[in-house]
Amino acid sequence: MTTKIRIGTIGILLVAIITLNSCTKEELDPNSTPSVTVVEEIIGMTGKTINIDATASDPDNNPITFSWTIKESPANSSATITSEGNSASFTTDVAGLYEVEVTAVNEQGGSASTIVK
């Protein structure tokens, strides 16, 4: 009888170990996507430097990196954006509509974007 209990106990332990080993990191620690917010608007005269700051948060407290892109600009514009972390700036060189996209990405690959007009 004692042998059967030991074998049964060992069997239960093996099933538990196999079950735990089959769980992936994603199942144990799902990644939440960050959120990103910008409160500025792109308003100004031609030749004006526009400064934009983004705020991002990650529910899992993962580190966040930012990328900035001018998504739309007037015809013949050669405006370029410079950025460092959550801040960016560019100079309007032609009158018209400019749209800048900021994307926040956490170290797990989760991302969120917003457009500034």
PDB file of N, CA and C in Angstrom:
ATOM      1  N   MET A   1       0.821  -1.184   0.000  1.00  0.00           N
ATOM      2  CA  MET A   1       0.000   0.000   0.000  1.00  0.00           C
ATOM      3  C   MET A   1       0.869   1.253   0.000  1.00  0.00           C
ATOM      4  N   THR A   2       1.929   1.254   0.795  1.00  0.00           N
ATOM      5  CA  THR A   2       2.813   2.401   0.854  1.00  0.00           C
ATOM      6  C   THR A   2       3.440   2.672  -0.511  1.00  0.00           C
ATOM      7  N   THR A   3       3.822   1.643  -1.227  1.00  0.00           N
ATOM      8  CA  THR A   3       4.408   1.798  -2.548  1.00  0.00           C
ATOM      9  C   THR A   3       3.436   2.454  -3.502  1.00  0.00           C
ATOM     10  N   LYS A   4       2.171   2.088  -3.471  1.00  0.00           N
ATOM     11  CA  LYS A   4       1.167   2.676  -4.351  1.00  0.00           C
ATOM     12  C   LYS A   4       0.983   4.159  -4.047  1.00  0.00           C
ATOM     13  N   ILE A   5       1.006   4.524  -2.790  1.00  0.00           N
ATOM     14  CA  ILE A   5       0.845   5.934  -2.430  1.00  0.00           C
ATOM     15  C   ILE A   5       2.047   6.736  -2.933  1.00  0.00           C
ATOM     16  N   ARG A   6       3.237   6.193  -2.785  1.00  0.00           N
ATOM     17  CA  ARG A   6       4.427   6.898  -3.259  1.00  0.00           C
ATOM     18  C   ARG A   6       4.404   7.052  -4.776  1.00  0.00           C
ATOM     19  N   ILE A   7       4.024   6.023  -5.467  1.00  0.00           N
ATOM     20  CA  ILE A   7       3.947   6.104  -6.920  1.00  0.00           C
ATOM     21  C   ILE A   7       2.878   7.113  -7.322  1.00  0.00           C
ATOM     22  N   GLY A   8       1.737   7.098  -6.641  1.00  0.00           N
ATOM     23  CA  GLY A   8       0.676   8.068  -6.929  1.00  0.00           C
ATOM     24  C   GLY A   8       1.130   9.487  -6.642  1.00  0.00           C
ATOM     25  N   THR A   9       1.836   9.668  -5.541  1.00  0.00           N
ATOM     26  CA  THR A   9       2.339  10.991  -5.185  1.00  0.00           C
ATOM     27  C   THR A   9       3.357  11.469  -6.212  1.00  0.00           C
ATOM     28  N   ILE A  10       4.241  10.581  -6.625  1.00  0.00           N
ATOM     29  CA  ILE A  10       5.229  10.935  -7.643  1.00  0.00           C
ATOM     30  C   ILE A  10       4.528  11.289  -8.951  1.00  0.00           C
ATOM     31  N   GLY A  11       3.491  10.555  -9.302  1.00  0.00           N
ATOM     32  CA  GLY A  11       2.730  10.842 -10.521  1.00  0.00           C
ATOM     33  C   GLY A  11       2.096  12.220 -10.477  1.00  0.00           C
ATOM     34  N   ILE A  12       1.521  12.574  -9.346  1.00  0.00           N
ATOM     35  CA  ILE A  12       0.897  13.894  -9.192  1.00  0.00           C
ATOM     36  C   ILE A  12       1.956  14.991  -9.295  1.00  0.00           C
ATOM     37  N   LEU A  13       3.113  14.773  -8.670  1.00  0.00           N
ATOM     38  CA  LEU A  13       4.188  15.756  -8.749  1.00  0.00           C
ATOM     39  C   LEU A  13       4.676  15.922 -10.184  1.00  0.00           C
ATOM     40  N   LEU A  14       4.805  14.835 -10.925  1.00  0.00           N
ATOM     41  CA  LEU A  14       5.238  14.921 -12.318  1.00  0.00           C
ATOM     42  C   LEU A  14       4.236  15.695 -13.160  1.00  0.00           C
ATOM     43  N   VAL A  15       2.948  15.450 -12.957  1.00  0.00           N
ATOM     44  CA  VAL A  15       1.917  16.184 -13.695  1.00  0.00           C
ATOM     45  C   VAL A  15       1.995  17.672 -13.367  1.00  0.00           C
ATOM     46  N   ALA A  16       2.192  18.011 -12.095  1.00  0.00           N
ATOM     47  CA  ALA A  16       2.288  19.415 -11.689  1.00  0.00           C
ATOM     48  C   ALA A  16       3.511  20.080 -12.318  1.00  0.00           C
ATOM     49  N   ILE A  17       4.642  19.387 -12.333  1.00  0.00           N
ATOM     50  CA  ILE A  17       5.864  19.950 -12.918  1.00  0.00           C
ATOM     51  C   ILE A  17       5.695  20.157 -14.416  1.00  0.00           C
ATOM     52  N   ILE A  18       5.137  19.180 -15.103  1.00  0.00           N
ATOM     53  CA  ILE A  18       4.919  19.301 -16.550  1.00  0.00           C
ATOM     54  C   ILE A  18       3.974  20.454 -16.853  1.00  0.00           C
ATOM     55  N   THR A  19       2.919  20.591 -16.072  1.00  0.00           N
ATOM     56  CA  THR A  19       1.953  21.672 -16.281  1.00  0.00           C
ATOM     57  C   THR A  19       2.611  23.034 -16.085  1.00  0.00           C
ATOM     58  N   LEU A  20       3.388  23.197 -15.029  1.00  0.00           N
ATOM     59  CA  LEU A  20       4.051  24.477 -14.776  1.00  0.00           C
ATOM     60  C   LEU A  20       5.090  24.796 -15.841  1.00  0.00           C
ATOM     61  N   ASN A  21       5.811  23.792 -16.307  1.00  0.00           N
ATOM     62  CA  ASN A  21       6.823  24.024 -17.338  1.00  0.00           C
ATOM     63  C   ASN A  21       6.216  24.357 -18.683  1.00  0.00           C
ATOM     64  N   SER A  22       4.974  23.972 -18.919  1.00  0.00           N
ATOM     65  CA  SER A  22       4.349  24.259 -20.212  1.00  0.00           C
ATOM     66  C   SER A  22       3.814  25.681 -20.293  1.00  0.00           C
ATOM     67  N   CYS A  23       3.758  26.396 -19.182  1.00  0.00           N
ATOM     68  CA  CYS A  23       3.305  27.791 -19.194  1.00  0.00           C
ATOM     69  C   CYS A  23       4.406  28.660 -19.790  1.00  0.00           C
ATOM     70  N   THR A  24       4.031  29.553 -20.679  1.00  0.00           N
ATOM     71  CA  THR A  24       5.000  30.477 -21.251  1.00  0.00           C
ATOM     72  C   THR A  24       5.055  31.736 -20.410  1.00  0.00           C
ATOM     73  N   LYS A  25       6.075  32.551 -20.644  1.00  0.00           N
ATOM     74  CA  LYS A  25       6.206  33.804 -19.910  1.00  0.00           C
ATOM     75  C   LYS A  25       5.002  34.697 -20.145  1.00  0.00           C
ATOM     76  N   GLU A  26       4.465  34.686 -21.378  1.00  0.00           N
ATOM     77  CA  GLU A  26       3.316  35.524 -21.686  1.00  0.00           C
ATOM     78  C   GLU A  26       2.094  35.124 -20.861  1.00  0.00           C
ATOM     79  N   GLU A  27       1.944  33.828 -20.624  1.00  0.00           N
ATOM     80  CA  GLU A  27       0.808  33.380 -19.831  1.00  0.00           C
ATOM     81  C   GLU A  27       0.961  33.799 -18.372  1.00  0.00           C
ATOM     82  N   LEU A  28       2.204  33.811 -17.893  1.00  0.00           N
ATOM     83  CA  LEU A  28       2.447  34.175 -16.507  1.00  0.00           C
ATOM     84  C   LEU A  28       2.534  35.686 -16.318  1.00  0.00           C
ATOM     85  N   ASP A  29       3.039  36.389 -17.337  1.00  0.00           N
ATOM     86  CA  ASP A  29       3.273  37.819 -17.217  1.00  0.00           C
ATOM     87  C   ASP A  29       2.845  38.517 -18.513  1.00  0.00           C
ATOM     88  N   PRO A  30       1.541  38.703 -18.718  1.00  0.00           N
ATOM     89  CA  PRO A  30       1.105  39.340 -19.966  1.00  0.00           C
ATOM     90  C   PRO A  30       1.585  40.790 -20.033  1.00  0.00           C
ATOM     91  N   ASN A  31       1.855  41.250 -21.247  1.00  0.00           N
ATOM     92  CA  ASN A  31       2.331  42.614 -21.446  1.00  0.00           C
ATOM     93  C   ASN A  31       1.156  43.538 -21.731  1.00  0.00           C
ATOM     94  N   SER A  32       1.066  44.602 -20.999  1.00  0.00           N
ATOM     95  CA  SER A  32       0.063  45.629 -21.265  1.00  0.00           C
ATOM     96  C   SER A  32       0.702  46.702 -22.129  1.00  0.00           C
ATOM     97  N   THR A  33      -0.077  47.272 -23.042  1.00  0.00           N
ATOM     98  CA  THR A  33       0.470  48.319 -23.899  1.00  0.00           C
ATOM     99  C   THR A  33       0.529  49.644 -23.149  1.00  0.00           C
ATOM    100  N   PRO A  34       1.507  50.469 -23.494  1.00  0.00           N
ATOM    101  CA  PRO A  34       1.590  51.779 -22.854  1.00  0.00           C
ATOM    102  C   PRO A  34       0.528  52.717 -23.421  1.00  0.00           C
ATOM    103  N   SER A  35       0.393  53.865 -22.803  1.00  0.00           N
ATOM    104  CA  SER A  35      -0.466  54.922 -23.348  1.00  0.00           C
ATOM    105  C   SER A  35       0.399  56.165 -23.521  1.00  0.00           C
ATOM    106  N   VAL A  36       0.034  56.993 -24.500  1.00  0.00           N
ATOM    107  CA  VAL A  36       0.815  58.203 -24.767  1.00  0.00           C
ATOM    108  C   VAL A  36      -0.142  59.372 -24.964  1.00  0.00           C
ATOM    109  N   THR A  37       0.240  60.534 -24.424  1.00  0.00           N
ATOM    110  CA  THR A  37      -0.602  61.723 -24.487  1.00  0.00           C
ATOM    111  C   THR A  37       0.252  62.935 -24.842  1.00  0.00           C
ATOM    112  N   VAL A  38      -0.309  63.803 -25.664  1.00  0.00           N
ATOM    113  CA  VAL A  38       0.323  65.081 -25.998  1.00  0.00           C
ATOM    114  C   VAL A  38      -0.745  66.148 -25.855  1.00  0.00           C
ATOM    115  N   VAL A  39      -0.443  67.229 -25.151  1.00  0.00           N
ATOM    116  CA  VAL A  39      -1.443  68.282 -24.956  1.00  0.00           C
ATOM    117  C   VAL A  39      -1.226  69.477 -25.877  1.00  0.00           C
ATOM    118  N   GLU A  40      -0.036  69.599 -26.469  1.00  0.00           N
ATOM    119  CA  GLU A  40       0.232  70.725 -27.365  1.00  0.00           C
ATOM    120  C   GLU A  40      -0.498  70.564 -28.694  1.00  0.00           C
ATOM    121  N   GLU A  41      -0.674  71.682 -29.369  1.00  0.00           N
ATOM    122  CA  GLU A  41      -1.164  71.699 -30.739  1.00  0.00           C
ATOM    123  C   GLU A  41      -0.110  72.401 -31.577  1.00  0.00           C
ATOM    124  N   ILE A  42      -0.088  72.090 -32.857  1.00  0.00           N
ATOM    125  CA  ILE A  42       0.865  72.744 -33.754  1.00  0.00           C
ATOM    126  C   ILE A  42       0.189  73.985 -34.316  1.00  0.00           C
ATOM    127  N   ILE A  43       0.459  75.104 -33.672  1.00  0.00           N
ATOM    128  CA  ILE A  43      -0.106  76.382 -34.092  1.00  0.00           C
ATOM    129  C   ILE A  43       1.038  77.380 -34.139  1.00  0.00           C
ATOM    130  N   GLY A  44       1.179  78.050 -35.239  1.00  0.00           N
ATOM    131  CA  GLY A  44       2.238  79.046 -35.301  1.00  0.00           C
ATOM    132  C   GLY A  44       2.438  79.572 -36.693  1.00  0.00           C
ATOM    133  N   MET A  45       3.219  80.590 -36.761  1.00  0.00           N
ATOM    134  CA  MET A  45       3.529  81.212 -38.041  1.00  0.00           C
ATOM    135  C   MET A  45       4.697  80.472 -38.678  1.00  0.00           C
ATOM    136  N   THR A  46       4.850  80.669 -39.966  1.00  0.00           N
ATOM    137  CA  THR A  46       5.970  80.082 -40.689  1.00  0.00           C
ATOM    138  C   THR A  46       7.273  80.585 -40.080  1.00  0.00           C
ATOM    139  N   GLY A  47       8.223  79.678 -39.922  1.00  0.00           N
ATOM    140  CA  GLY A  47       9.506  80.039 -39.330  1.00  0.00           C
ATOM    141  C   GLY A  47       9.532  79.899 -37.823  1.00  0.00           C
ATOM    142  N   LYS A  48       8.454  79.459 -37.228  1.00  0.00           N
ATOM    143  CA  LYS A  48       8.385  79.313 -35.775  1.00  0.00           C
ATOM    144  C   LYS A  48       8.787  77.893 -35.373  1.00  0.00           C
ATOM    145  N   THR A  49       9.594  77.789 -34.327  1.00  0.00           N
ATOM    146  CA  THR A  49       9.964  76.478 -33.801  1.00  0.00           C
ATOM    147  C   THR A  49       8.856  75.985 -32.877  1.00  0.00           C
ATOM    148  N   ILE A  50       8.396  74.780 -33.151  1.00  0.00           N
ATOM    149  CA  ILE A  50       7.332  74.155 -32.363  1.00  0.00           C
ATOM    150  C   ILE A  50       7.972  73.117 -31.450  1.00  0.00           C
ATOM    151  N   ASN A  51       7.714  73.217 -30.155  1.00  0.00           N
ATOM    152  CA  ASN A  51       8.199  72.246 -29.174  1.00  0.00           C
ATOM    153  C   ASN A  51       7.029  71.385 -28.719  1.00  0.00           C
ATOM    154  N   ILE A  52       7.239  70.083 -28.708  1.00  0.00           N
ATOM    155  CA  ILE A  52       6.181  69.148 -28.331  1.00  0.00           C
ATOM    156  C   ILE A  52       6.727  68.210 -27.261  1.00  0.00           C
ATOM    157  N   ASP A  53       5.952  68.006 -26.210  1.00  0.00           N
ATOM    158  CA  ASP A  53       6.301  67.055 -25.157  1.00  0.00           C
ATOM    159  C   ASP A  53       5.211  66.003 -25.060  1.00  0.00           C
ATOM    160  N   ALA A  54       5.617  64.755 -24.941  1.00  0.00           N
ATOM    161  CA  ALA A  54       4.671  63.650 -24.784  1.00  0.00           C
ATOM    162  C   ALA A  54       4.809  63.070 -23.386  1.00  0.00           C
ATOM    163  N   THR A  55       3.725  62.538 -22.888  1.00  0.00           N
ATOM    164  CA  THR A  55       3.719  61.830 -21.617  1.00  0.00           C
ATOM    165  C   THR A  55       3.247  60.416 -21.892  1.00  0.00           C
ATOM    166  N   ALA A  56       3.961  59.440 -21.378  1.00  0.00           N
ATOM    167  CA  ALA A  56       3.564  58.046 -21.577  1.00  0.00           C
ATOM    168  C   ALA A  56       3.627  57.315 -20.248  1.00  0.00           C
ATOM    169  N   SER A  57       2.792  56.310 -20.132  1.00  0.00           N
ATOM    170  CA  SER A  57       2.827  55.457 -18.949  1.00  0.00           C
ATOM    171  C   SER A  57       2.617  54.019 -19.389  1.00  0.00           C
ATOM    172  N   ASP A  58       3.132  53.104 -18.602  1.00  0.00           N
ATOM    173  CA  ASP A  58       3.001  51.684 -18.889  1.00  0.00           C
ATOM    174  C   ASP A  58       2.450  50.993 -17.643  1.00  0.00           C
ATOM    175  N   PRO A  59       1.326  50.281 -17.774  1.00  0.00           N
ATOM    176  CA  PRO A  59       0.724  49.625 -16.611  1.00  0.00           C
ATOM    177  C   PRO A  59       1.661  48.637 -15.925  1.00  0.00           C
ATOM    178  N   ASP A  60       2.609  48.072 -16.688  1.00  0.00           N
ATOM    179  CA  ASP A  60       3.555  47.111 -16.124  1.00  0.00           C
ATOM    180  C   ASP A  60       4.848  47.779 -15.657  1.00  0.00           C
ATOM    181  N   ASN A  61       4.903  49.109 -15.762  1.00  0.00           N
ATOM    182  CA  ASN A  61       6.098  49.886 -15.407  1.00  0.00           C
ATOM    183  C   ASN A  61       7.322  49.504 -16.225  1.00  0.00           C
ATOM    184  N   ASN A  62       7.104  49.044 -17.475  1.00  0.00           N
ATOM    185  CA  ASN A  62       8.220  48.757 -18.374  1.00  0.00           C
ATOM    186  C   ASN A  62       8.814  50.073 -18.864  1.00  0.00           C
ATOM    187  N   PRO A  63      10.121  50.106 -19.111  1.00  0.00           N
ATOM    188  CA  PRO A  63      10.731  51.306 -19.694  1.00  0.00           C
ATOM    189  C   PRO A  63      10.111  51.610 -21.059  1.00  0.00           C
ATOM    190  N   ILE A  64      10.020  52.891 -21.383  1.00  0.00           N
ATOM    191  CA  ILE A  64       9.380  53.328 -22.624  1.00  0.00           C
ATOM    192  C   ILE A  64      10.370  54.145 -23.446  1.00  0.00           C
ATOM    193  N   THR A  65      10.384  53.902 -24.762  1.00  0.00           N
ATOM    194  CA  THR A  65      11.141  54.730 -25.690  1.00  0.00           C
ATOM    195  C   THR A  65      10.152  55.419 -26.628  1.00  0.00           C
ATOM    196  N   PHE A  66      10.564  56.552 -27.184  1.00  0.00           N
ATOM    197  CA  PHE A  66       9.695  57.346 -28.045  1.00  0.00           C
ATOM    198  C   PHE A  66      10.296  57.451 -29.439  1.00  0.00           C
ATOM    199  N   SER A  67       9.419  57.493 -30.446  1.00  0.00           N
ATOM    200  CA  SER A  67       9.852  57.829 -31.805  1.00  0.00           C
ATOM    201  C   SER A  67       8.905  58.893 -32.346  1.00  0.00           C
ATOM    202  N   TRP A  68       9.454  59.813 -33.124  1.00  0.00           N
ATOM    203  CA  TRP A  68       8.718  60.963 -33.642  1.00  0.00           C
ATOM    204  C   TRP A  68       8.841  61.011 -35.156  1.00  0.00           C
ATOM    205  N   THR A  69       7.733  61.318 -35.839  1.00  0.00           N
ATOM    206  CA  THR A  69       7.716  61.400 -37.297  1.00  0.00           C
ATOM    207  C   THR A  69       6.786  62.519 -37.742  1.00  0.00           C
ATOM    208  N   ILE A  70       7.215  63.310 -38.716  1.00  0.00           N
ATOM    209  CA  ILE A  70       6.292  64.256 -39.353  1.00  0.00           C
ATOM    210  C   ILE A  70       5.479  63.440 -40.348  1.00  0.00           C
ATOM    211  N   LYS A  71       4.197  63.287 -40.084  1.00  0.00           N
ATOM    212  CA  LYS A  71       3.323  62.466 -40.926  1.00  0.00           C
ATOM    213  C   LYS A  71       2.740  63.250 -42.091  1.00  0.00           C
ATOM    214  N   GLU A  72       2.516  64.541 -41.888  1.00  0.00           N
ATOM    215  CA  GLU A  72       1.955  65.368 -42.953  1.00  0.00           C
ATOM    216  C   GLU A  72       2.544  66.762 -42.849  1.00  0.00           C
ATOM    217  N   SER A  73       2.844  67.321 -44.006  1.00  0.00           N
ATOM    218  CA  SER A  73       3.342  68.698 -44.061  1.00  0.00           C
ATOM    219  C   SER A  73       2.915  69.298 -45.396  1.00  0.00           C
ATOM    220  N   PRO A  74       2.906  70.624 -45.490  1.00  0.00           N
ATOM    221  CA  PRO A  74       2.497  71.277 -46.735  1.00  0.00           C
ATOM    222  C   PRO A  74       3.440  70.929 -47.895  1.00  0.00           C
ATOM    223  N   ALA A  75       2.930  71.098 -49.106  1.00  0.00           N
ATOM    224  CA  ALA A  75       3.765  70.889 -50.294  1.00  0.00           C
ATOM    225  C   ALA A  75       4.997  71.783 -50.209  1.00  0.00           C
ATOM    226  N   ASN A  76       6.114  71.268 -50.649  1.00  0.00           N
ATOM    227  CA  ASN A  76       7.396  71.980 -50.682  1.00  0.00           C
ATOM    228  C   ASN A  76       8.018  72.207 -49.309  1.00  0.00           C
ATOM    229  N   SER A  77       7.462  71.621 -48.256  1.00  0.00           N
ATOM    230  CA  SER A  77       8.061  71.754 -46.931  1.00  0.00           C
ATOM    231  C   SER A  77       9.257  70.815 -46.821  1.00  0.00           C
ATOM    232  N   SER A  78      10.289  71.292 -46.179  1.00  0.00           N
ATOM    233  CA  SER A  78      11.450  70.440 -45.908  1.00  0.00           C
ATOM    234  C   SER A  78      11.706  70.369 -44.403  1.00  0.00           C
ATOM    235  N   ALA A  79      10.652  70.573 -43.628  1.00  0.00           N
ATOM    236  CA  ALA A  79      10.777  70.542 -42.169  1.00  0.00           C
ATOM    237  C   ALA A  79      11.262  69.167 -41.717  1.00  0.00           C
ATOM    238  N   THR A  80      12.166  69.171 -40.763  1.00  0.00           N
ATOM    239  CA  THR A  80      12.635  67.930 -40.149  1.00  0.00           C
ATOM    240  C   THR A  80      12.439  68.042 -38.649  1.00  0.00           C
ATOM    241  N   ILE A  81      12.245  66.905 -38.030  1.00  0.00           N
ATOM    242  CA  ILE A  81      11.984  66.894 -36.592  1.00  0.00           C
ATOM    243  C   ILE A  81      13.231  66.402 -35.869  1.00  0.00           C
ATOM    244  N   THR A  82      13.543  67.027 -34.750  1.00  0.00           N
ATOM    245  CA  THR A  82      14.612  66.552 -33.881  1.00  0.00           C
ATOM    246  C   THR A  82      13.969  66.156 -32.569  1.00  0.00           C
ATOM    247  N   SER A  83      14.474  65.098 -31.982  1.00  0.00           N
ATOM    248  CA  SER A  83      13.849  64.626 -30.747  1.00  0.00           C
ATOM    249  C   SER A  83      14.881  64.063 -29.796  1.00  0.00           C
ATOM    250  N   GLU A  84      14.514  64.113 -28.538  1.00  0.00           N
ATOM    251  CA  GLU A  84      15.280  63.481 -27.482  1.00  0.00           C
ATOM    252  C   GLU A  84      14.280  62.963 -26.467  1.00  0.00           C
ATOM    253  N   GLY A  85      14.121  61.651 -26.434  1.00  0.00           N
ATOM    254  CA  GLY A  85      13.169  61.050 -25.504  1.00  0.00           C
ATOM    255  C   GLY A  85      11.755  61.488 -25.788  1.00  0.00           C
ATOM    256  N   ASN A  86      11.102  62.018 -24.771  1.00  0.00           N
ATOM    257  CA  ASN A  86       9.688  62.389 -24.906  1.00  0.00           C
ATOM    258  C   ASN A  86       9.480  63.815 -25.420  1.00  0.00           C
ATOM    259  N   SER A  87      10.547  64.483 -25.859  1.00  0.00           N
ATOM    260  CA  SER A  87      10.443  65.853 -26.382  1.00  0.00           C
ATOM    261  C   SER A  87      10.925  65.907 -27.826  1.00  0.00           C
ATOM    262  N   ALA A  88      10.248  66.746 -28.615  1.00  0.00           N
ATOM    263  CA  ALA A  88      10.635  66.928 -30.013  1.00  0.00           C
ATOM    264  C   ALA A  88      10.407  68.375 -30.403  1.00  0.00           C
ATOM    265  N   SER A  89      11.071  68.794 -31.476  1.00  0.00           N
ATOM    266  CA  SER A  89      10.852  70.139 -32.004  1.00  0.00           C
ATOM    267  C   SER A  89      11.111  70.137 -33.505  1.00  0.00           C
ATOM    268  N   PHE A  90      10.448  71.056 -34.178  1.00  0.00           N
ATOM    269  CA  PHE A  90      10.693  71.292 -35.592  1.00  0.00           C
ATOM    270  C   PHE A  90      10.283  72.718 -35.903  1.00  0.00           C
ATOM    271  N   THR A  91      10.763  73.224 -37.037  1.00  0.00           N
ATOM    272  CA  THR A  91      10.449  74.586 -37.452  1.00  0.00           C
ATOM    273  C   THR A  91       9.551  74.539 -38.674  1.00  0.00           C
ATOM    274  N   THR A  92       8.412  75.229 -38.583  1.00  0.00           N
ATOM    275  CA  THR A  92       7.506  75.305 -39.732  1.00  0.00           C
ATOM    276  C   THR A  92       8.180  76.163 -40.795  1.00  0.00           C
ATOM    277  N   ASP A  93       8.288  75.623 -42.005  1.00  0.00           N
ATOM    278  CA  ASP A  93       8.984  76.358 -43.062  1.00  0.00           C
ATOM    279  C   ASP A  93       8.061  76.791 -44.200  1.00  0.00           C
ATOM    280  N   VAL A  94       6.857  76.245 -44.238  1.00  0.00           N
ATOM    281  CA  VAL A  94       5.860  76.591 -45.249  1.00  0.00           C
ATOM    282  C   VAL A  94       4.518  76.682 -44.531  1.00  0.00           C
ATOM    283  N   ALA A  95       3.705  77.660 -44.879  1.00  0.00           N
ATOM    284  CA  ALA A  95       2.385  77.786 -44.253  1.00  0.00           C
ATOM    285  C   ALA A  95       1.523  76.580 -44.626  1.00  0.00           C
ATOM    286  N   GLY A  96       0.784  76.066 -43.652  1.00  0.00           N
ATOM    287  CA  GLY A  96      -0.112  74.942 -43.914  1.00  0.00           C
ATOM    288  C   GLY A  96      -0.194  73.992 -42.735  1.00  0.00           C
ATOM    289  N   LEU A  97      -0.807  72.838 -42.980  1.00  0.00           N
ATOM    290  CA  LEU A  97      -1.060  71.843 -41.941  1.00  0.00           C
ATOM    291  C   LEU A  97       0.150  70.937 -41.738  1.00  0.00           C
ATOM    292  N   TYR A  98       0.520  70.753 -40.480  1.00  0.00           N
ATOM    293  CA  TYR A  98       1.568  69.814 -40.097  1.00  0.00           C
ATOM    294  C   TYR A  98       0.957  68.811 -39.128  1.00  0.00           C
ATOM    295  N   GLU A  99       1.314  67.551 -39.289  1.00  0.00           N
ATOM    296  CA  GLU A  99       0.912  66.519 -38.338  1.00  0.00           C
ATOM    297  C   GLU A  99       2.153  65.740 -37.927  1.00  0.00           C
ATOM    298  N   VAL A 100       2.306  65.584 -36.621  1.00  0.00           N
ATOM    299  CA  VAL A 100       3.447  64.857 -36.074  1.00  0.00           C
ATOM    300  C   VAL A 100       2.906  63.662 -35.302  1.00  0.00           C
ATOM    301  N   GLU A 101       3.510  62.505 -35.535  1.00  0.00           N
ATOM    302  CA  GLU A 101       3.116  61.298 -34.804  1.00  0.00           C
ATOM    303  C   GLU A 101       4.194  60.962 -33.790  1.00  0.00           C
ATOM    304  N   VAL A 102       3.766  60.665 -32.566  1.00  0.00           N
ATOM    305  CA  VAL A 102       4.678  60.170 -31.546  1.00  0.00           C
ATOM    306  C   VAL A 102       4.216  58.766 -31.176  1.00  0.00           C
ATOM    307  N   THR A 103       5.179  57.866 -31.088  1.00  0.00           N
ATOM    308  CA  THR A 103       4.896  56.484 -30.716  1.00  0.00           C
ATOM    309  C   THR A 103       5.703  56.148 -29.475  1.00  0.00           C
ATOM    310  N   ALA A 104       5.031  55.576 -28.485  1.00  0.00           N
ATOM    311  CA  ALA A 104       5.683  55.105 -27.268  1.00  0.00           C
ATOM    312  C   ALA A 104       5.724  53.584 -27.329  1.00  0.00           C
ATOM    313  N   VAL A 105       6.902  53.015 -27.113  1.00  0.00           N
ATOM    314  CA  VAL A 105       7.075  51.563 -27.190  1.00  0.00           C
ATOM    315  C   VAL A 105       7.712  51.083 -25.891  1.00  0.00           C
ATOM    316  N   ASN A 106       7.118  50.028 -25.287  1.00  0.00           N
ATOM    317  CA  ASN A 106       7.735  49.472 -24.091  1.00  0.00           C
ATOM    318  C   ASN A 106       8.698  48.356 -24.482  1.00  0.00           C
ATOM    319  N   GLU A 107       9.494  47.884 -23.528  1.00  0.00           N
ATOM    320  CA  GLU A 107      10.533  46.899 -23.837  1.00  0.00           C
ATOM    321  C   GLU A 107       9.974  45.550 -24.268  1.00  0.00           C
ATOM    322  N   GLN A 108       8.686  45.320 -24.069  1.00  0.00           N
ATOM    323  CA  GLN A 108       8.058  44.073 -24.502  1.00  0.00           C
ATOM    324  C   GLN A 108       7.497  44.184 -25.917  1.00  0.00           C
ATOM    325  N   GLY A 109       7.577  45.369 -26.523  1.00  0.00           N
ATOM    326  CA  GLY A 109       7.082  45.568 -27.879  1.00  0.00           C
ATOM    327  C   GLY A 109       5.689  46.156 -27.955  1.00  0.00           C
ATOM    328  N   GLY A 110       5.039  46.375 -26.819  1.00  0.00           N
ATOM    329  CA  GLY A 110       3.728  47.027 -26.819  1.00  0.00           C
ATOM    330  C   GLY A 110       3.893  48.486 -27.204  1.00  0.00           C
ATOM    331  N   SER A 111       2.964  49.017 -27.990  1.00  0.00           N
ATOM    332  CA  SER A 111       3.118  50.403 -28.426  1.00  0.00           C
ATOM    333  C   SER A 111       1.784  51.129 -28.489  1.00  0.00           C
ATOM    334  N   ALA A 112       1.883  52.440 -28.443  1.00  0.00           N
ATOM    335  CA  ALA A 112       0.726  53.327 -28.596  1.00  0.00           C
ATOM    336  C   ALA A 112       1.208  54.568 -29.324  1.00  0.00           C
ATOM    337  N   SER A 113       0.351  55.114 -30.189  1.00  0.00           N
ATOM    338  CA  SER A 113       0.702  56.307 -30.961  1.00  0.00           C
ATOM    339  C   SER A 113      -0.397  57.339 -30.865  1.00  0.00           C
ATOM    340  N   THR A 114      -0.012  58.588 -31.081  1.00  0.00           N
ATOM    341  CA  THR A 114      -0.984  59.666 -31.183  1.00  0.00           C
ATOM    342  C   THR A 114      -0.456  60.678 -32.195  1.00  0.00           C
ATOM    343  N   ILE A 115      -1.395  61.394 -32.805  1.00  0.00           N
ATOM    344  CA  ILE A 115      -1.061  62.411 -33.810  1.00  0.00           C
ATOM    345  C   ILE A 115      -1.282  63.791 -33.204  1.00  0.00           C
ATOM    346  N   VAL A 116      -0.328  64.681 -33.423  1.00  0.00           N
ATOM    347  CA  VAL A 116      -0.436  66.069 -32.987  1.00  0.00           C
ATOM    348  C   VAL A 116      -0.678  66.902 -34.233  1.00  0.00           C
ATOM    349  N   LYS A 117      -1.723  67.751 -34.195  1.00  0.00           N
ATOM    350  CA  LYS A 117      -2.046  68.614 -35.341  1.00  0.00           C
ATOM    351  C   LYS A 117      -1.889  70.058 -34.942  1.00  0.00           C
TER     352      LYS A 117
END
